[in-house]
Amino acid sequence: MKTAGSFILGFIASALSLSLHAATYTVEEVSDGGTITGKVTFSGDDPAPKPYAITKDPDTCGTGDRLIDFVKVSNGALNDVIVYLDKVKAGKTFADDQAKGDIDQKGCEFHPFLQVMHNDHEITVLNSDPVSHNIHTYELIGRAKKTVFNISQPDQGSVIKKTVKLKRGTVMKVECDQHDFMHGYVFVARNPYYALVNEDGTFTIDGVPPGKYTLVAWHGSLGSKKAKVTVDAGKTLTSDFAFKAK
């Protein structure tokens, strides 16, 4: 006999299952899609790269300070920004060439600094250095962070492969527990409507089903900005984002 408690738990589990199922992205033909273009700019003083003292493995990692340019600005354009549509339920197919992620630890740095991959896909992490690394990734949820995987790679040439399935966030912070001066990010796309901005800050997102959306511009250090947009069939919409120095 089911108790009231077990019934309630079962109801909650079913509701959660339906909620997750409803959030699943569905691929369908988009014959009258619109396009979103824009530019991401930066105003104010360009922050200097942040110094981290190199305290370990100098033959491989170097000496002195590691300077990490968390805010890269090129002629007024902000780089390392992902612009994406939030909570899109259906539309065009994903681009296969960005489905999986690849990170190389070389010279005690993560290459690339900002990676793009798709949710529920595999990421490959290589240790190209003759020193031990311990890659530690965190799902960013607001100001909180939750470990996704934390794996030691003691040997040069070591390769790990992990399926990344974020439950709430869209970004992973990447660090090394062996070297606190190693930092990077992975954007984990839940739908194919995203773009990494070009060096001049411009971006294009095409094949968007007509409708109303929330467009998000995300930066690892400066946070996110949002805009409500309406995409018309076959039309091009321009939406710019302006970030300022903190």
Foldseek 3Di string as FASTA:
>chain_A
DDDPVNVVVVVVVVVVVVVVVQLAAAEDEQPFKEKEKEFEFEDDDQDFFDWDAWDDDCVLQNHGTDGHRQWDADPGGTAPKKKFWPRDRYFHDADPVAAEAEWEQGSNETPPQEHEHAAQAKYKYAYQDQAKWWKWKWADDPPDTHTQDTGIDGHHGDMDMDHHHDDHHQKMWIATPVTRNYTGMYGHDSHRQMFRADNRRMDMGIRHHFAWTKMWMQGPPQGIDIDIDTGDGNYYHYDYHYGYDD
